[in-house]
N, C-alpha and C. Protein backbone atom coordinates (compact mmCIF):
# COMPACT_ATOMS: atom_id res chain seq x y z
N MET A 1 3.61 -16.73 -34.13
CA MET A 1 2.43 -17.98 -34.51
C MET A 1 1.73 -17.19 -35.62
N ASN A 2 1.52 -18.06 -36.51
CA ASN A 2 0.45 -17.76 -37.49
C ASN A 2 -0.53 -18.84 -37.63
N ALA A 3 -1.73 -18.41 -38.64
CA ALA A 3 -2.92 -19.40 -38.68
C ALA A 3 -2.71 -20.68 -39.08
N THR A 4 -1.53 -20.97 -39.79
CA THR A 4 -1.30 -22.21 -40.36
C THR A 4 -0.85 -23.08 -39.42
N ASN A 5 -0.40 -22.78 -38.28
CA ASN A 5 -0.10 -23.76 -37.05
C ASN A 5 -0.89 -23.36 -35.93
N ASN A 6 -1.92 -22.59 -35.72
CA ASN A 6 -2.73 -22.22 -34.53
C ASN A 6 -4.06 -22.88 -34.87
N PRO A 7 -4.39 -23.58 -33.96
CA PRO A 7 -5.60 -24.44 -34.11
C PRO A 7 -6.68 -23.36 -33.74
N SER A 8 -6.54 -22.54 -32.75
CA SER A 8 -7.66 -21.56 -32.19
C SER A 8 -7.75 -20.51 -33.14
N ALA A 9 -6.96 -20.06 -34.15
CA ALA A 9 -7.09 -19.32 -35.18
C ALA A 9 -7.83 -19.68 -36.16
N HIS A 10 -7.79 -21.17 -36.40
CA HIS A 10 -8.73 -22.05 -37.33
C HIS A 10 -9.95 -21.85 -36.84
N ALA A 11 -10.25 -22.22 -35.65
CA ALA A 11 -11.83 -22.27 -35.28
C ALA A 11 -12.42 -20.91 -35.34
N ALA A 12 -11.37 -19.92 -34.97
CA ALA A 12 -12.01 -18.51 -35.00
C ALA A 12 -12.39 -17.97 -36.14
N LEU A 13 -11.50 -18.23 -37.04
CA LEU A 13 -11.79 -17.76 -38.61
C LEU A 13 -13.17 -18.81 -38.95
N ALA A 14 -13.13 -19.83 -38.72
CA ALA A 14 -14.16 -20.67 -39.45
C ALA A 14 -15.45 -20.24 -38.81
N ALA A 15 -15.40 -19.57 -37.55
CA ALA A 15 -16.65 -19.41 -36.98
C ALA A 15 -17.20 -18.14 -37.35
N ARG A 16 -16.17 -17.18 -37.62
CA ARG A 16 -16.57 -15.71 -37.96
C ARG A 16 -16.82 -15.44 -39.36
N GLY A 17 -15.89 -15.94 -39.89
CA GLY A 17 -15.71 -15.87 -41.41
C GLY A 17 -16.24 -16.87 -42.49
N GLY A 18 -16.76 -17.99 -41.95
CA GLY A 18 -17.19 -18.99 -42.60
C GLY A 18 -15.91 -19.52 -43.53
N LEU A 19 -15.01 -19.49 -43.08
CA LEU A 19 -13.68 -20.00 -43.67
C LEU A 19 -13.18 -21.06 -43.05
N ASP A 20 -12.68 -22.09 -43.71
CA ASP A 20 -11.81 -23.18 -43.58
C ASP A 20 -10.48 -23.13 -43.83
N VAL A 21 -9.64 -22.56 -42.59
CA VAL A 21 -8.10 -22.31 -42.57
C VAL A 21 -7.14 -23.25 -43.19
N ASP A 22 -7.75 -24.73 -43.15
CA ASP A 22 -7.14 -25.51 -43.65
C ASP A 22 -7.18 -25.60 -44.89
N ARG A 23 -8.65 -25.20 -45.78
CA ARG A 23 -8.56 -25.36 -46.84
C ARG A 23 -7.76 -24.28 -47.61
N VAL A 24 -7.72 -22.97 -46.79
CA VAL A 24 -7.02 -21.81 -47.44
C VAL A 24 -5.65 -22.35 -47.45
N ARG A 25 -5.20 -22.95 -46.53
CA ARG A 25 -3.69 -23.40 -46.36
C ARG A 25 -3.27 -24.27 -47.70
N GLN A 26 -4.16 -25.14 -47.97
CA GLN A 26 -4.17 -26.32 -49.26
C GLN A 26 -4.24 -25.49 -50.21
N ALA A 27 -5.02 -24.63 -50.67
CA ALA A 27 -5.22 -23.89 -51.91
C ALA A 27 -3.91 -22.99 -52.00
N ILE A 28 -3.40 -22.28 -51.02
CA ILE A 28 -1.89 -21.77 -51.05
C ILE A 28 -1.08 -22.53 -51.31
N GLU A 29 -0.86 -24.05 -50.86
CA GLU A 29 0.32 -24.61 -51.11
C GLU A 29 0.04 -25.25 -52.44
N ALA A 30 -0.97 -25.46 -53.04
CA ALA A 30 -1.22 -25.94 -54.25
C ALA A 30 -0.87 -24.87 -55.33
N ALA A 31 -1.43 -23.64 -55.01
CA ALA A 31 -0.96 -22.90 -56.23
C ALA A 31 0.62 -22.41 -56.07
N LEU A 32 1.17 -22.61 -54.99
CA LEU A 32 2.86 -22.23 -54.64
C LEU A 32 3.54 -23.77 -55.25
N ALA A 33 3.21 -24.69 -55.31
CA ALA A 33 3.80 -25.99 -55.45
C ALA A 33 4.63 -25.68 -56.80
N PRO A 34 5.70 -26.27 -57.07
CA PRO A 34 6.51 -26.14 -58.16
C PRO A 34 6.01 -27.18 -58.99
N LEU A 35 5.94 -26.73 -60.37
CA LEU A 35 5.45 -27.37 -61.39
C LEU A 35 6.51 -28.68 -61.91
N PRO A 36 6.08 -30.07 -62.18
CA PRO A 36 7.05 -30.72 -62.53
C PRO A 36 7.36 -30.49 -64.15
N VAL A 37 8.45 -30.76 -64.27
CA VAL A 37 9.26 -30.29 -65.83
C VAL A 37 8.22 -31.00 -66.77
N GLY A 38 7.79 -29.99 -67.67
CA GLY A 38 7.16 -30.42 -68.98
C GLY A 38 5.42 -30.53 -68.67
N ALA A 39 5.17 -30.38 -67.40
CA ALA A 39 3.63 -30.28 -67.02
C ALA A 39 2.81 -29.47 -67.75
N ARG A 40 1.68 -29.32 -68.21
CA ARG A 40 0.96 -28.46 -68.74
C ARG A 40 -0.28 -27.98 -67.67
N LEU A 41 -0.48 -26.75 -67.73
CA LEU A 41 -1.41 -26.17 -66.67
C LEU A 41 -2.80 -26.46 -67.46
N ASP A 42 -3.90 -27.10 -66.52
CA ASP A 42 -5.00 -26.95 -67.12
C ASP A 42 -5.69 -25.78 -66.64
N PRO A 43 -6.40 -24.82 -67.92
CA PRO A 43 -6.93 -23.63 -67.68
C PRO A 43 -8.20 -23.68 -66.66
N ALA A 44 -8.87 -24.93 -66.69
CA ALA A 44 -10.18 -24.98 -65.65
C ALA A 44 -9.67 -25.20 -64.44
N VAL A 45 -8.48 -25.82 -64.08
CA VAL A 45 -7.87 -25.88 -62.75
C VAL A 45 -7.34 -24.54 -62.03
N VAL A 46 -6.93 -23.97 -63.13
CA VAL A 46 -6.33 -22.80 -62.91
C VAL A 46 -7.22 -21.58 -62.49
N THR A 47 -8.49 -21.49 -63.39
CA THR A 47 -9.58 -20.47 -63.10
C THR A 47 -10.37 -21.08 -61.86
N ALA A 48 -10.38 -22.13 -61.42
CA ALA A 48 -10.89 -22.59 -60.00
C ALA A 48 -10.22 -22.09 -59.16
N THR A 49 -8.72 -22.41 -59.31
CA THR A 49 -7.82 -21.88 -57.83
C THR A 49 -8.06 -20.62 -57.90
N ALA A 50 -8.03 -19.75 -59.07
CA ALA A 50 -7.89 -18.29 -58.87
C ALA A 50 -9.31 -17.60 -58.26
N GLN A 51 -10.53 -18.31 -58.58
CA GLN A 51 -11.62 -17.78 -57.95
C GLN A 51 -11.73 -18.17 -56.48
N ARG A 52 -11.08 -19.52 -56.14
CA ARG A 52 -11.04 -19.92 -54.54
C ARG A 52 -10.26 -18.90 -54.07
N LEU A 53 -8.95 -18.81 -54.42
CA LEU A 53 -8.10 -17.68 -53.75
C LEU A 53 -8.56 -16.25 -53.58
N ALA A 54 -9.31 -15.65 -54.72
CA ALA A 54 -10.04 -14.30 -54.59
C ALA A 54 -10.95 -14.48 -53.29
N GLU A 55 -11.81 -15.67 -53.48
CA GLU A 55 -12.82 -15.61 -52.24
C GLU A 55 -12.36 -15.52 -50.96
N TYR A 56 -11.19 -16.41 -50.89
CA TYR A 56 -10.63 -16.28 -49.35
C TYR A 56 -9.91 -15.06 -48.96
N ALA A 57 -9.54 -14.35 -50.09
CA ALA A 57 -9.01 -13.06 -49.91
C ALA A 57 -10.07 -12.12 -49.34
N GLN A 58 -11.11 -12.14 -50.12
CA GLN A 58 -12.02 -11.28 -49.61
C GLN A 58 -12.85 -11.55 -48.23
N VAL A 59 -12.69 -12.82 -47.79
CA VAL A 59 -13.25 -13.33 -46.70
C VAL A 59 -12.05 -12.60 -45.68
N LEU A 60 -10.72 -12.76 -45.89
CA LEU A 60 -9.62 -12.44 -44.99
C LEU A 60 -9.22 -10.83 -44.78
N LEU A 61 -9.71 -10.25 -45.85
CA LEU A 61 -9.15 -8.79 -45.71
C LEU A 61 -9.76 -8.05 -44.72
N PRO A 62 -11.19 -7.96 -44.42
CA PRO A 62 -11.63 -7.12 -43.34
C PRO A 62 -10.96 -7.48 -42.19
N TYR A 63 -10.59 -8.99 -41.68
CA TYR A 63 -10.21 -9.18 -40.58
C TYR A 63 -8.71 -8.67 -40.60
N ALA A 64 -8.15 -8.90 -41.54
CA ALA A 64 -6.38 -8.54 -41.68
C ALA A 64 -6.47 -7.03 -41.46
N ALA A 65 -7.47 -6.16 -41.95
CA ALA A 65 -7.52 -4.84 -42.16
C ALA A 65 -7.71 -4.42 -40.65
N ALA A 66 -8.61 -4.90 -39.71
CA ALA A 66 -8.81 -4.64 -38.65
C ALA A 66 -7.49 -4.92 -37.49
N ALA A 67 -7.00 -6.07 -37.95
CA ALA A 67 -5.85 -6.45 -37.05
C ALA A 67 -4.73 -5.41 -37.42
N TYR A 68 -4.54 -5.12 -38.70
CA TYR A 68 -3.55 -3.87 -38.96
C TYR A 68 -3.76 -2.69 -38.16
N ASP A 69 -5.01 -2.36 -38.14
CA ASP A 69 -5.45 -1.06 -37.50
C ASP A 69 -5.34 -1.14 -36.13
N SER A 70 -5.40 -2.21 -35.61
CA SER A 70 -5.10 -2.23 -34.18
C SER A 70 -3.87 -2.08 -33.65
N ARG A 71 -2.84 -2.26 -34.66
CA ARG A 71 -1.55 -2.02 -33.85
C ARG A 71 -0.64 -1.22 -34.89
N ARG A 72 -1.48 -0.18 -35.58
CA ARG A 72 -0.72 0.61 -36.66
C ARG A 72 -0.28 1.88 -35.97
N THR A 73 1.00 2.27 -36.39
CA THR A 73 1.61 3.52 -35.58
C THR A 73 1.40 4.48 -36.57
N SER A 74 1.65 5.85 -36.20
CA SER A 74 1.43 6.88 -36.83
C SER A 74 2.79 7.13 -37.86
N ARG A 75 3.54 6.14 -37.96
CA ARG A 75 4.89 6.33 -38.97
C ARG A 75 4.57 6.15 -40.45
N GLY A 76 3.06 5.85 -40.68
CA GLY A 76 2.76 5.58 -42.16
C GLY A 76 2.48 4.09 -42.31
N PRO A 77 1.90 3.89 -43.28
CA PRO A 77 1.31 2.52 -43.60
C PRO A 77 2.28 1.29 -43.33
N GLY A 78 3.62 1.35 -43.46
CA GLY A 78 4.43 0.23 -43.67
C GLY A 78 4.07 -1.03 -44.66
N LEU A 79 4.81 -1.71 -44.50
CA LEU A 79 4.64 -2.98 -45.34
C LEU A 79 3.48 -3.64 -45.25
N ALA A 80 2.80 -3.93 -44.22
CA ALA A 80 1.73 -4.25 -43.90
C ALA A 80 0.38 -3.61 -44.80
N GLY A 81 0.45 -2.28 -44.27
CA GLY A 81 -0.62 -1.18 -44.80
C GLY A 81 -0.33 -1.35 -46.46
N HIS A 82 0.90 -1.42 -47.05
CA HIS A 82 1.09 -1.45 -48.58
C HIS A 82 0.56 -2.70 -48.87
N GLY A 83 0.71 -3.80 -48.40
CA GLY A 83 0.22 -5.29 -48.73
C GLY A 83 -1.39 -5.31 -48.75
N LEU A 84 -2.13 -4.68 -47.85
CA LEU A 84 -3.46 -4.54 -47.73
C LEU A 84 -4.02 -3.64 -48.82
N THR A 85 -3.22 -2.59 -49.21
CA THR A 85 -3.59 -1.92 -50.30
C THR A 85 -3.76 -2.42 -51.64
N HIS A 86 -2.51 -3.23 -51.65
CA HIS A 86 -2.22 -4.15 -53.00
C HIS A 86 -3.23 -5.31 -53.15
N VAL A 87 -3.47 -5.79 -51.98
CA VAL A 87 -4.56 -7.07 -52.24
C VAL A 87 -5.93 -6.50 -52.55
N ARG A 88 -6.31 -5.11 -51.89
CA ARG A 88 -7.79 -4.55 -52.16
C ARG A 88 -7.61 -4.18 -53.91
N TYR A 89 -6.39 -3.50 -54.26
CA TYR A 89 -6.53 -3.24 -55.66
C TYR A 89 -6.62 -4.38 -56.46
N ARG A 90 -5.68 -5.45 -56.11
CA ARG A 90 -5.68 -6.72 -57.05
C ARG A 90 -7.51 -7.30 -57.19
N LEU A 91 -8.06 -7.14 -56.06
CA LEU A 91 -9.25 -7.93 -56.08
C LEU A 91 -10.33 -7.15 -56.98
N THR A 92 -10.25 -5.56 -56.77
CA THR A 92 -11.06 -4.82 -57.25
C THR A 92 -10.81 -4.35 -58.76
N HIS A 93 -9.45 -4.25 -59.16
CA HIS A 93 -9.09 -3.91 -60.62
C HIS A 93 -8.10 -4.62 -61.21
N ALA A 94 -7.75 -5.61 -60.86
CA ALA A 94 -6.78 -6.46 -61.58
C ALA A 94 -6.80 -7.69 -61.44
N GLY A 95 -7.82 -8.18 -62.00
CA GLY A 95 -8.49 -9.63 -61.55
C GLY A 95 -7.55 -10.57 -62.30
N CYS A 96 -7.77 -12.00 -62.13
CA CYS A 96 -6.95 -12.96 -62.96
C CYS A 96 -7.20 -13.09 -64.43
N PRO A 97 -6.34 -13.04 -65.03
CA PRO A 97 -6.33 -13.03 -66.49
C PRO A 97 -7.02 -14.45 -67.04
N ASP A 98 -7.57 -14.42 -67.96
CA ASP A 98 -8.44 -15.21 -68.42
C ASP A 98 -7.29 -16.59 -68.76
N ALA A 99 -7.53 -17.63 -68.15
CA ALA A 99 -6.80 -18.76 -68.26
C ALA A 99 -6.81 -19.55 -69.56
N GLY A 100 -7.96 -19.49 -70.10
CA GLY A 100 -8.24 -20.10 -71.50
C GLY A 100 -7.38 -19.35 -72.57
N THR A 101 -7.14 -17.90 -72.47
CA THR A 101 -6.17 -17.22 -73.22
C THR A 101 -4.88 -17.23 -72.91
N ASP A 102 -4.57 -17.26 -71.57
CA ASP A 102 -3.16 -17.08 -71.20
C ASP A 102 -2.99 -17.77 -69.79
N VAL A 103 -2.79 -19.03 -69.71
CA VAL A 103 -2.76 -20.07 -68.63
C VAL A 103 -1.67 -19.49 -67.64
N ASP A 104 -0.53 -19.42 -68.39
CA ASP A 104 0.73 -18.85 -67.59
C ASP A 104 0.44 -17.67 -66.78
N ALA A 105 -0.28 -16.68 -67.42
CA ALA A 105 -0.14 -15.38 -66.69
C ALA A 105 -1.40 -15.66 -65.55
N ALA A 106 -2.16 -16.27 -66.08
CA ALA A 106 -3.39 -16.68 -64.98
C ALA A 106 -2.67 -17.62 -63.88
N HIS A 107 -1.95 -18.38 -64.03
CA HIS A 107 -1.19 -19.13 -63.04
C HIS A 107 -0.29 -18.20 -62.13
N VAL A 108 0.54 -17.29 -62.66
CA VAL A 108 1.20 -16.43 -62.01
C VAL A 108 0.25 -15.70 -60.98
N TRP A 109 -0.86 -15.16 -61.73
CA TRP A 109 -1.58 -14.33 -60.86
C TRP A 109 -2.01 -14.83 -59.51
N CYS A 110 -2.44 -16.67 -59.69
CA CYS A 110 -2.98 -17.44 -58.65
C CYS A 110 -1.74 -17.30 -57.59
N GLN A 111 -0.63 -17.61 -58.17
CA GLN A 111 0.94 -17.47 -56.99
C GLN A 111 0.95 -16.02 -56.30
N GLU A 112 0.56 -15.31 -56.90
CA GLU A 112 0.61 -13.83 -56.28
C GLU A 112 -0.44 -13.49 -55.36
N MET A 113 -1.76 -14.27 -55.73
CA MET A 113 -2.86 -14.17 -54.85
C MET A 113 -2.57 -15.33 -53.46
N ALA A 114 -1.92 -16.54 -53.71
CA ALA A 114 -1.74 -17.24 -52.65
C ALA A 114 -0.61 -16.38 -51.90
N ARG A 115 0.31 -15.91 -52.06
CA ARG A 115 1.15 -15.05 -51.15
C ARG A 115 0.36 -14.06 -50.45
N SER A 116 -0.61 -13.52 -51.22
CA SER A 116 -1.54 -12.36 -50.51
C SER A 116 -2.09 -12.95 -49.55
N CYS A 117 -2.82 -13.96 -49.48
CA CYS A 117 -3.45 -15.08 -48.52
C CYS A 117 -2.81 -15.23 -47.51
N GLN A 118 -1.57 -15.68 -47.68
CA GLN A 118 -0.63 -16.14 -46.87
C GLN A 118 -0.63 -14.68 -45.88
N MET A 119 -0.25 -13.55 -46.47
CA MET A 119 0.27 -12.27 -45.70
C MET A 119 -1.23 -11.85 -44.96
N LEU A 120 -2.36 -12.01 -45.52
CA LEU A 120 -3.69 -11.98 -44.82
C LEU A 120 -3.84 -12.89 -43.40
N LEU A 121 -3.57 -14.06 -43.69
CA LEU A 121 -3.61 -15.14 -42.66
C LEU A 121 -2.63 -14.88 -41.48
N GLY A 122 -1.42 -14.24 -41.79
CA GLY A 122 -0.50 -13.98 -40.76
C GLY A 122 -0.82 -12.61 -39.90
N LEU A 123 -1.59 -11.67 -40.87
CA LEU A 123 -2.07 -10.61 -40.10
C LEU A 123 -3.28 -10.67 -39.18
N VAL A 124 -4.02 -11.74 -39.69
CA VAL A 124 -4.99 -11.91 -38.53
C VAL A 124 -4.67 -12.99 -37.27
N SER A 125 -3.77 -13.77 -37.62
CA SER A 125 -3.39 -14.64 -36.71
C SER A 125 -2.22 -14.23 -35.59
N ASP A 126 -1.37 -13.18 -36.16
CA ASP A 126 -0.44 -12.83 -35.41
C ASP A 126 -1.02 -11.78 -34.36
N ASN A 127 -2.18 -11.13 -34.45
CA ASN A 127 -2.58 -9.89 -33.62
C ASN A 127 -3.64 -10.68 -32.29
N PRO A 128 -3.15 -10.39 -31.13
CA PRO A 128 -3.75 -10.98 -29.99
C PRO A 128 -5.14 -10.16 -29.57
N GLN A 129 -5.27 -9.24 -30.49
CA GLN A 129 -6.33 -8.20 -30.08
C GLN A 129 -7.48 -8.47 -31.08
N SER A 130 -7.13 -9.42 -32.11
CA SER A 130 -8.34 -9.50 -32.96
C SER A 130 -9.35 -10.19 -32.64
N GLU A 131 -10.44 -9.91 -33.08
CA GLU A 131 -12.00 -10.65 -32.81
C GLU A 131 -11.63 -12.39 -33.21
N VAL A 132 -10.93 -12.36 -34.42
CA VAL A 132 -10.69 -13.54 -35.27
C VAL A 132 -9.97 -14.56 -34.35
N VAL A 133 -8.98 -14.14 -33.82
CA VAL A 133 -8.15 -15.21 -32.91
C VAL A 133 -8.32 -15.09 -31.45
N THR A 134 -8.84 -16.41 -31.08
CA THR A 134 -9.12 -16.44 -29.53
C THR A 134 -7.93 -16.80 -28.70
């Protein structure tokens, strides 16, 4: 089960992290929604989406890292460990390109960050020992 369909995860994340999981899920869905043929991306909307997704990832990251650490094995970082490292790197060193200059690149960054937020939500909500999920 993941946070997108676990009401107790929604409540726990909201209480502990100041995060509305429904809004996170809506932002993820909006970022990953297919664009209609011929549609033009609005740089202001893409910029706002990028900022929102980065903020959500910042809030989710410590909870996801704690959830990962609670069930980590000694066999190496695994896919989740590499995913966490990738999200940290993107947030600190590979921010969203300027949507005013290259709206398509910024849109792709939003899609990738949306997938990262999906992964973080999954790590948090799938861990029964996590403080975030009750």
